[in-house]
Amino acid sequence: MEEFVFLDEESEKLLEKILQHNDMINTKISGLAIDFLVTNGYLKGVEATTLSDKEPSYFLTGYTQKGKTYFELKKRYEKEKRRISRREWLIGIFCTIIGAIIGLIPTIIQLFT
């Protein structure tokens, strides 16, 4: 499974807010989070930073597939990660039991001889 890239908390909250509110399309949004989301392909936007702006500004024009599916992929990745973790635990327990049985073989042989 391809490594999933998590967004920082601020960017994730902004993406979730934008995806939930369709009225945010065609609005100007400022901040480092929107800059990150647009430059990394989660949202479509046109740069609208002026000299008076202290932070990058973008005129939000739409979503990308990457942005729309972020939360679904995040949930799927976390589920897969938990499944792999459980499998590793089961393998570890099984190997411990096998190792204990192998360690007891000399004792069992001495009992029968």
N, C-alpha and C. Protein backbone atom coordinates (compact mmCIF):
# COMPACT_ATOMS: atom_id res chain seq x y z
N MET A 1 0.84 -1.18 0.00
CA MET A 1 0.00 0.00 0.00
C MET A 1 0.88 1.24 0.00
N GLU A 2 0.55 2.19 -0.84
CA GLU A 2 1.30 3.43 -0.96
C GLU A 2 1.19 4.24 0.34
N GLU A 3 2.28 4.88 0.73
CA GLU A 3 2.31 5.66 1.96
C GLU A 3 1.38 6.87 1.84
N PHE A 4 0.51 7.02 2.81
CA PHE A 4 -0.45 8.12 2.84
C PHE A 4 0.23 9.32 3.46
N VAL A 5 -0.01 10.52 2.90
CA VAL A 5 0.56 11.75 3.43
C VAL A 5 -0.51 12.49 4.21
N PHE A 6 -0.29 12.64 5.51
CA PHE A 6 -1.24 13.35 6.36
C PHE A 6 -1.05 14.85 6.24
N LEU A 7 -2.15 15.57 6.26
CA LEU A 7 -2.10 17.03 6.29
C LEU A 7 -1.89 17.49 7.73
N ASP A 8 -1.35 18.71 7.89
CA ASP A 8 -1.26 19.26 9.23
C ASP A 8 -2.68 19.61 9.69
N GLU A 9 -2.84 19.81 10.98
CA GLU A 9 -4.17 20.00 11.57
C GLU A 9 -4.92 21.19 10.97
N GLU A 10 -4.23 22.30 10.80
CA GLU A 10 -4.88 23.51 10.27
C GLU A 10 -5.36 23.29 8.83
N SER A 11 -4.51 22.70 8.00
CA SER A 11 -4.88 22.44 6.60
C SER A 11 -6.02 21.45 6.51
N GLU A 12 -6.00 20.44 7.37
CA GLU A 12 -7.05 19.43 7.36
C GLU A 12 -8.41 20.05 7.75
N LYS A 13 -8.39 20.90 8.77
CA LYS A 13 -9.63 21.56 9.19
C LYS A 13 -10.17 22.47 8.09
N LEU A 14 -9.28 23.21 7.43
CA LEU A 14 -9.71 24.10 6.36
C LEU A 14 -10.28 23.30 5.19
N LEU A 15 -9.62 22.23 4.81
CA LEU A 15 -10.11 21.39 3.71
C LEU A 15 -11.49 20.82 4.05
N GLU A 16 -11.65 20.35 5.26
CA GLU A 16 -12.94 19.80 5.68
C GLU A 16 -14.03 20.87 5.63
N LYS A 17 -13.71 22.06 6.10
CA LYS A 17 -14.67 23.17 6.09
C LYS A 17 -15.06 23.54 4.66
N ILE A 18 -14.09 23.60 3.78
CA ILE A 18 -14.35 23.97 2.38
C ILE A 18 -15.19 22.89 1.70
N LEU A 19 -14.88 21.63 1.95
CA LEU A 19 -15.64 20.54 1.33
C LEU A 19 -17.08 20.49 1.83
N GLN A 20 -17.30 20.90 3.06
CA GLN A 20 -18.65 20.88 3.63
C GLN A 20 -19.50 22.07 3.18
N HIS A 21 -18.86 23.18 2.84
CA HIS A 21 -19.59 24.40 2.47
C HIS A 21 -19.31 24.77 1.03
N ASN A 22 -20.23 24.45 0.15
CA ASN A 22 -20.06 24.75 -1.28
C ASN A 22 -20.03 26.26 -1.54
N ASP A 23 -20.54 27.06 -0.62
CA ASP A 23 -20.57 28.51 -0.84
C ASP A 23 -19.19 29.14 -0.71
N MET A 24 -18.16 28.37 -0.36
CA MET A 24 -16.81 28.92 -0.24
C MET A 24 -16.10 28.96 -1.60
N ILE A 25 -16.64 28.27 -2.59
CA ILE A 25 -16.08 28.35 -3.94
C ILE A 25 -16.31 29.78 -4.44
N ASN A 26 -15.37 30.28 -5.21
CA ASN A 26 -15.39 31.65 -5.75
C ASN A 26 -15.27 32.70 -4.65
N THR A 27 -14.54 32.37 -3.58
CA THR A 27 -14.25 33.35 -2.54
C THR A 27 -12.74 33.45 -2.36
N LYS A 28 -12.31 34.56 -1.78
CA LYS A 28 -10.89 34.77 -1.52
C LYS A 28 -10.60 34.30 -0.10
N ILE A 29 -9.61 33.43 0.01
CA ILE A 29 -9.22 32.87 1.30
C ILE A 29 -7.72 33.13 1.49
N SER A 30 -7.36 33.58 2.69
CA SER A 30 -5.96 33.88 2.99
C SER A 30 -5.43 32.91 4.04
N GLY A 31 -4.14 32.71 4.02
CA GLY A 31 -3.48 31.91 5.05
C GLY A 31 -2.52 30.90 4.48
N LEU A 32 -1.69 30.40 5.36
CA LEU A 32 -0.70 29.41 4.95
C LEU A 32 -1.36 28.07 4.62
N ALA A 33 -2.47 27.76 5.29
CA ALA A 33 -3.15 26.48 5.03
C ALA A 33 -3.70 26.45 3.61
N ILE A 34 -4.34 27.52 3.17
CA ILE A 34 -4.89 27.54 1.81
C ILE A 34 -3.75 27.51 0.79
N ASP A 35 -2.66 28.17 1.10
CA ASP A 35 -1.49 28.15 0.22
C ASP A 35 -0.98 26.71 0.07
N PHE A 36 -0.88 26.00 1.18
CA PHE A 36 -0.42 24.61 1.15
C PHE A 36 -1.38 23.73 0.35
N LEU A 37 -2.69 23.89 0.59
CA LEU A 37 -3.68 23.05 -0.09
C LEU A 37 -3.70 23.28 -1.60
N VAL A 38 -3.54 24.53 -2.01
CA VAL A 38 -3.56 24.83 -3.45
C VAL A 38 -2.25 24.37 -4.11
N THR A 39 -1.12 24.69 -3.49
CA THR A 39 0.16 24.35 -4.11
C THR A 39 0.42 22.84 -4.14
N ASN A 40 -0.22 22.09 -3.24
CA ASN A 40 -0.04 20.64 -3.21
C ASN A 40 -1.17 19.88 -3.89
N GLY A 41 -2.05 20.60 -4.58
CA GLY A 41 -3.04 19.96 -5.43
C GLY A 41 -4.30 19.44 -4.76
N TYR A 42 -4.62 19.91 -3.56
CA TYR A 42 -5.85 19.49 -2.90
C TYR A 42 -7.04 20.36 -3.34
N LEU A 43 -6.76 21.60 -3.68
CA LEU A 43 -7.79 22.55 -4.11
C LEU A 43 -7.29 23.28 -5.35
N LYS A 44 -8.24 23.83 -6.11
CA LYS A 44 -7.89 24.67 -7.26
C LYS A 44 -8.09 26.11 -6.84
N GLY A 45 -7.12 26.93 -7.18
CA GLY A 45 -7.24 28.33 -6.83
C GLY A 45 -6.32 29.19 -7.66
N VAL A 46 -6.69 30.46 -7.74
CA VAL A 46 -5.88 31.44 -8.46
C VAL A 46 -5.26 32.35 -7.41
N GLU A 47 -3.96 32.55 -7.52
CA GLU A 47 -3.29 33.39 -6.54
C GLU A 47 -3.85 34.81 -6.59
N ALA A 48 -4.20 35.34 -5.41
CA ALA A 48 -4.79 36.68 -5.33
C ALA A 48 -4.10 37.52 -4.27
N THR A 49 -2.84 37.23 -4.00
CA THR A 49 -2.09 37.96 -2.99
C THR A 49 -1.75 39.35 -3.51
N THR A 50 -2.01 40.35 -2.68
CA THR A 50 -1.65 41.73 -3.02
C THR A 50 -0.54 42.19 -2.08
N LEU A 51 0.00 43.37 -2.35
CA LEU A 51 1.07 43.89 -1.51
C LEU A 51 0.61 44.13 -0.07
N SER A 52 -0.66 44.40 0.13
CA SER A 52 -1.17 44.67 1.48
C SER A 52 -1.46 43.39 2.27
N ASP A 53 -1.48 42.25 1.61
CA ASP A 53 -1.75 40.98 2.31
C ASP A 53 -0.52 40.53 3.08
N LYS A 54 -0.74 40.08 4.30
CA LYS A 54 0.36 39.58 5.13
C LYS A 54 0.60 38.09 4.88
N GLU A 55 -0.43 37.39 4.41
CA GLU A 55 -0.32 35.97 4.13
C GLU A 55 -0.76 35.71 2.70
N PRO A 56 -0.36 34.57 2.14
CA PRO A 56 -0.80 34.24 0.78
C PRO A 56 -2.32 34.18 0.68
N SER A 57 -2.86 34.66 -0.42
CA SER A 57 -4.31 34.64 -0.65
C SER A 57 -4.59 33.95 -1.97
N TYR A 58 -5.71 33.23 -2.00
CA TYR A 58 -6.13 32.55 -3.21
C TYR A 58 -7.61 32.75 -3.42
N PHE A 59 -7.98 32.87 -4.68
CA PHE A 59 -9.38 32.91 -5.09
C PHE A 59 -9.72 31.45 -5.38
N LEU A 60 -10.49 30.83 -4.50
CA LEU A 60 -10.80 29.42 -4.61
C LEU A 60 -11.74 29.16 -5.78
N THR A 61 -11.30 28.28 -6.70
CA THR A 61 -12.11 28.01 -7.89
C THR A 61 -12.71 26.61 -7.91
N GLY A 62 -12.24 25.72 -7.08
CA GLY A 62 -12.81 24.37 -7.07
C GLY A 62 -11.98 23.38 -6.30
N TYR A 63 -12.38 22.12 -6.41
CA TYR A 63 -11.71 21.03 -5.72
C TYR A 63 -10.97 20.17 -6.73
N THR A 64 -10.03 19.41 -6.25
CA THR A 64 -9.39 18.39 -7.08
C THR A 64 -9.82 17.03 -6.54
N GLN A 65 -9.58 16.01 -7.29
CA GLN A 65 -9.90 14.65 -6.84
C GLN A 65 -9.12 14.32 -5.57
N LYS A 66 -7.89 14.78 -5.51
CA LYS A 66 -7.04 14.55 -4.34
C LYS A 66 -7.67 15.15 -3.09
N GLY A 67 -8.22 16.34 -3.23
CA GLY A 67 -8.87 17.00 -2.10
C GLY A 67 -10.18 16.34 -1.71
N LYS A 68 -10.96 15.95 -2.71
CA LYS A 68 -12.26 15.33 -2.44
C LYS A 68 -12.12 13.99 -1.74
N THR A 69 -11.07 13.24 -2.05
CA THR A 69 -10.93 11.89 -1.51
C THR A 69 -9.99 11.81 -0.31
N TYR A 70 -9.45 12.93 0.13
CA TYR A 70 -8.47 12.91 1.23
C TYR A 70 -8.98 12.18 2.47
N PHE A 71 -10.17 12.54 2.94
CA PHE A 71 -10.68 11.97 4.19
C PHE A 71 -11.03 10.49 4.04
N GLU A 72 -11.53 10.11 2.88
CA GLU A 72 -11.82 8.69 2.62
C GLU A 72 -10.53 7.88 2.60
N LEU A 73 -9.50 8.41 1.94
CA LEU A 73 -8.22 7.71 1.88
C LEU A 73 -7.56 7.66 3.26
N LYS A 74 -7.72 8.71 4.03
CA LYS A 74 -7.16 8.74 5.39
C LYS A 74 -7.79 7.64 6.24
N LYS A 75 -9.12 7.52 6.16
CA LYS A 75 -9.83 6.50 6.93
C LYS A 75 -9.40 5.10 6.49
N ARG A 76 -9.29 4.90 5.18
CA ARG A 76 -8.87 3.60 4.64
C ARG A 76 -7.44 3.26 5.06
N TYR A 77 -6.55 4.26 5.03
CA TYR A 77 -5.16 4.04 5.42
C TYR A 77 -5.06 3.66 6.89
N GLU A 78 -5.80 4.37 7.75
CA GLU A 78 -5.75 4.08 9.18
C GLU A 78 -6.32 2.69 9.48
N LYS A 79 -7.36 2.28 8.77
CA LYS A 79 -7.95 0.95 8.94
C LYS A 79 -6.94 -0.12 8.53
N GLU A 80 -6.27 0.09 7.39
CA GLU A 80 -5.27 -0.86 6.91
C GLU A 80 -4.10 -0.94 7.88
N LYS A 81 -3.71 0.18 8.44
CA LYS A 81 -2.61 0.23 9.39
C LYS A 81 -2.95 -0.59 10.65
N ARG A 82 -4.20 -0.46 11.13
CA ARG A 82 -4.63 -1.24 12.30
C ARG A 82 -4.65 -2.73 11.97
N ARG A 83 -5.10 -3.07 10.76
CA ARG A 83 -5.16 -4.47 10.35
C ARG A 83 -3.76 -5.08 10.30
N ILE A 84 -2.82 -4.34 9.76
CA ILE A 84 -1.44 -4.82 9.68
C ILE A 84 -0.85 -4.96 11.08
N SER A 85 -1.16 -4.03 11.95
CA SER A 85 -0.66 -4.09 13.32
C SER A 85 -1.18 -5.34 14.03
N ARG A 86 -2.46 -5.65 13.86
CA ARG A 86 -3.03 -6.87 14.46
C ARG A 86 -2.36 -8.12 13.90
N ARG A 87 -2.13 -8.13 12.60
CA ARG A 87 -1.49 -9.28 11.97
C ARG A 87 -0.08 -9.47 12.53
N GLU A 88 0.66 -8.37 12.71
CA GLU A 88 2.01 -8.46 13.26
C GLU A 88 2.00 -9.01 14.69
N TRP A 89 1.00 -8.59 15.47
CA TRP A 89 0.86 -9.12 16.83
C TRP A 89 0.59 -10.63 16.80
N LEU A 90 -0.31 -11.06 15.92
CA LEU A 90 -0.61 -12.49 15.83
C LEU A 90 0.61 -13.30 15.40
N ILE A 91 1.36 -12.78 14.46
CA ILE A 91 2.58 -13.46 14.01
C ILE A 91 3.57 -13.54 15.17
N GLY A 92 3.71 -12.46 15.92
CA GLY A 92 4.62 -12.45 17.07
C GLY A 92 4.23 -13.46 18.13
N ILE A 93 2.94 -13.54 18.44
CA ILE A 93 2.46 -14.51 19.43
C ILE A 93 2.69 -15.94 18.94
N PHE A 94 2.36 -16.18 17.67
CA PHE A 94 2.54 -17.51 17.09
C PHE A 94 4.02 -17.92 17.12
N CYS A 95 4.90 -17.01 16.77
CA CYS A 95 6.34 -17.31 16.77
C CYS A 95 6.84 -17.58 18.19
N THR A 96 6.32 -16.87 19.17
CA THR A 96 6.70 -17.09 20.56
C THR A 96 6.29 -18.48 21.02
N ILE A 97 5.08 -18.88 20.66
CA ILE A 97 4.60 -20.23 21.02
C ILE A 97 5.47 -21.29 20.36
N ILE A 98 5.76 -21.14 19.09
CA ILE A 98 6.61 -22.10 18.36
C ILE A 98 8.00 -22.15 19.00
N GLY A 99 8.54 -20.98 19.33
CA GLY A 99 9.86 -20.93 19.97
C GLY A 99 9.86 -21.63 21.32
N ALA A 100 8.80 -21.45 22.09
CA ALA A 100 8.71 -22.11 23.39
C ALA A 100 8.64 -23.63 23.22
N ILE A 101 7.87 -24.07 22.23
CA ILE A 101 7.76 -25.52 21.98
C ILE A 101 9.11 -26.08 21.56
N ILE A 102 9.81 -25.38 20.68
CA ILE A 102 11.13 -25.84 20.23
C ILE A 102 12.10 -25.88 21.40
N GLY A 103 12.00 -24.89 22.28
CA GLY A 103 12.88 -24.86 23.47
C GLY A 103 12.62 -26.01 24.42
N LEU A 104 11.40 -26.53 24.42
CA LEU A 104 11.06 -27.66 25.32
C LEU A 104 11.42 -29.02 24.74
N ILE A 105 11.79 -29.11 23.49
CA ILE A 105 12.10 -30.39 22.85
C ILE A 105 13.19 -31.15 23.60
N PRO A 106 14.33 -30.55 24.00
CA PRO A 106 15.35 -31.32 24.73
C PRO A 106 14.80 -31.89 26.04
N THR A 107 13.96 -31.12 26.74
CA THR A 107 13.39 -31.60 27.99
C THR A 107 12.46 -32.78 27.74
N ILE A 108 11.65 -32.69 26.70
CA ILE A 108 10.72 -33.77 26.36
C ILE A 108 11.50 -35.03 25.96
N ILE A 109 12.58 -34.88 25.23
CA ILE A 109 13.41 -36.03 24.81
C ILE A 109 14.03 -36.70 26.03
N GLN A 110 14.50 -35.91 27.02
CA GLN A 110 15.10 -36.49 28.22
C GLN A 110 14.05 -37.27 29.05
N LEU A 111 12.82 -36.82 29.02
CA LEU A 111 11.76 -37.52 29.77
C LEU A 111 11.49 -38.90 29.20
N PHE A 112 11.62 -39.05 27.89
CA PHE A 112 11.35 -40.34 27.25
C PHE A 112 12.55 -41.25 27.19
N THR A 113 13.71 -40.76 27.52
CA THR A 113 14.89 -41.63 27.45
C THR A 113 15.32 -42.11 28.80
